[in-house]
Structure formats: C-alpha cells, structure tokens
C-alpha cells in the first residue's frame, strides 16, 4: 500500500512539473520569426528582373539578383542578423547597403 501511494505521489509530481515547466528562452542572436525569402524582400523593395542564386552565397539562406531603379542589386536573407553582418563584410565592392532584420540589400554601382 505504501509503495502504491508513493508511486501515485511521484506520478502526480511529474504531471504537475510537466504542466508548469516553461520552455527555455531562445539564446541571444537567435530568432523565432520566419525568415522571408529573398524574392519577397525584392518585391517589397520593387526590384525587377529577379534571378535566384542557387545555391546562395556563403551565410545566406536565399538570394536573388535583380535591378532596382536601374541599379544592380543583390538581395539575401539569413537565419540570424549576425550571419547577415558576416555576409555584408564579405562584399568587396558595395556602394549602398540596406539591412533589415534577417535580410540585406546591396548594390555595387
């Protein structure tokens, strides 16, 4: 009888813990939002003549090249803003940069 009661208490304690335990917070630099595609960012900016880069360049999740107001642009999305910043740092000939949460748009002319 005592063993049955101890088992019931243990099961109840486990059930209460499972119901009240919350997930650990996301580590710094990570995000829970869905990353937009590079094509979606390009459309938001009004870029035209989009061509996907497959596979995308280093650090990028998705990437397209196109034209924005007669300027060639490279638009990429990333899983973190840290990777976005690394991607920007690898660009050699950049004249303009627009960076947002999980994306970057660069032009070189």
Protein backbone atom coordinates (compact mmCIF):
# COMPACT_ATOMS: atom_id res chain seq x y z
CA UNK A 1 0.00 0.00 0.00
CA UNK A 2 2.80 2.35 0.92
CA UNK A 3 4.55 1.68 -2.42
CA UNK A 4 1.32 2.38 -4.32
CA UNK A 5 0.85 5.68 -2.52
CA UNK A 6 4.50 6.68 -3.18
CA UNK A 7 4.06 5.85 -6.88
CA UNK A 8 0.87 7.94 -7.05
CA UNK A 9 2.63 10.91 -5.44
CA UNK A 10 5.58 10.57 -7.84
CA UNK A 11 3.26 10.45 -10.88
CA UNK A 12 1.34 13.49 -9.62
CA UNK A 13 4.57 15.42 -9.09
CA UNK A 14 5.76 14.58 -12.60
CA UNK A 15 2.41 15.65 -14.09
CA UNK A 16 2.43 18.96 -12.21
CA UNK A 17 6.03 19.64 -13.28
CA UNK A 18 5.21 18.87 -16.91
CA UNK A 19 2.24 21.24 -16.86
CA UNK A 20 4.07 24.12 -15.25
CA UNK A 21 7.52 23.90 -16.84
CA UNK A 22 8.12 26.52 -19.50
CA UNK A 23 10.47 26.26 -22.42
CA UNK A 24 13.89 27.81 -22.04
CA UNK A 25 14.23 31.22 -23.69
CA UNK A 26 15.92 31.39 -27.07
CA UNK A 27 19.65 32.08 -26.87
CA UNK A 28 20.88 35.58 -27.78
CA UNK A 29 21.27 36.13 -31.50
CA UNK A 30 18.58 33.62 -32.44
CA UNK A 31 15.08 34.43 -33.57
CA UNK A 32 11.79 32.61 -33.66
CA UNK A 33 10.33 34.54 -36.59
CA UNK A 34 10.05 33.06 -40.04
CA UNK A 35 12.68 34.32 -42.45
CA UNK A 36 11.19 35.85 -45.60
CA UNK A 37 12.54 34.73 -48.95
CA UNK A 38 14.93 36.97 -50.85
CA UNK A 39 12.34 37.19 -53.64
CA UNK A 40 9.74 38.50 -51.16
CA UNK A 41 12.18 41.18 -49.93
CA UNK A 42 12.99 42.10 -53.55
CA UNK A 43 9.31 42.52 -54.35
CA UNK A 44 8.84 44.69 -51.25
CA UNK A 45 11.65 46.98 -52.48
CA UNK A 46 10.34 46.98 -56.04
CA UNK A 47 13.29 45.17 -57.61
CA UNK A 48 12.70 43.68 -61.06
CA UNK A 49 14.34 41.10 -63.32
CA UNK A 50 14.97 38.77 -60.39
CA UNK A 51 17.24 35.76 -60.85
CA UNK A 52 17.76 33.32 -57.97
CA UNK A 53 21.29 32.45 -56.88
CA UNK A 54 21.32 28.70 -56.29
CA UNK A 55 22.92 27.74 -54.08
CA UNK A 56 23.05 31.08 -52.23
CA UNK A 57 26.42 32.55 -51.35
CA UNK A 58 28.14 32.00 -48.02
CA UNK A 59 25.98 32.75 -44.93
CA UNK A 60 22.73 33.34 -46.91
CA UNK A 61 19.56 31.25 -46.74
CA UNK A 62 18.14 32.57 -50.01
CA UNK A 63 19.50 35.07 -52.51
CA UNK A 64 18.41 36.83 -55.70
CA UNK A 65 19.98 39.39 -58.01
CA UNK A 66 17.98 41.93 -59.94
CA UNK A 67 17.57 45.59 -60.80
CA UNK A 68 16.30 48.42 -58.62
CA UNK A 69 15.89 51.84 -60.29
CA UNK A 70 18.44 50.80 -62.97
CA UNK A 71 20.98 49.67 -60.34
CA UNK A 72 22.02 46.03 -60.00
CA UNK A 73 21.16 44.68 -56.55
CA UNK A 74 21.95 41.54 -54.58
CA UNK A 75 19.29 40.63 -52.02
CA UNK A 76 19.80 37.88 -49.45
CA UNK A 77 18.09 36.55 -46.33
CA UNK A 78 19.70 34.97 -43.28
CA UNK A 79 18.89 32.84 -40.25
CA UNK A 80 20.42 35.47 -37.89
CA UNK A 81 21.47 39.10 -38.09
CA UNK A 82 25.00 38.02 -37.16
CA UNK A 83 25.21 35.93 -40.34
CA UNK A 84 23.81 38.91 -42.27
CA UNK A 85 26.63 41.09 -40.97
CA UNK A 86 29.23 38.46 -41.91
CA UNK A 87 27.74 38.30 -45.43
CA UNK A 88 27.95 42.08 -45.78
CA UNK A 89 31.56 42.03 -44.59
CA UNK A 90 32.48 39.61 -47.41
CA UNK A 91 31.22 42.01 -50.10
CA UNK A 92 34.11 43.86 -51.75
CA UNK A 93 32.50 46.49 -53.98
CA UNK A 94 29.48 47.83 -52.14
CA UNK A 95 28.20 51.36 -52.63
CA UNK A 96 24.87 51.10 -50.84
CA UNK A 97 23.61 48.78 -48.14
CA UNK A 98 20.12 48.39 -46.76
CA UNK A 99 19.99 45.96 -43.89
CA UNK A 100 16.96 44.80 -42.00
CA UNK A 101 16.10 42.03 -39.59
CA UNK A 102 17.31 38.83 -41.33
CA UNK A 103 17.95 40.44 -44.74
CA UNK A 104 20.32 42.71 -46.67
CA UNK A 105 20.14 44.52 -49.99
CA UNK A 106 23.40 45.69 -51.56
CA UNK A 107 24.33 47.44 -54.80
CA UNK A 108 27.74 47.92 -56.31
CA UNK A 109 27.32 50.72 -58.84
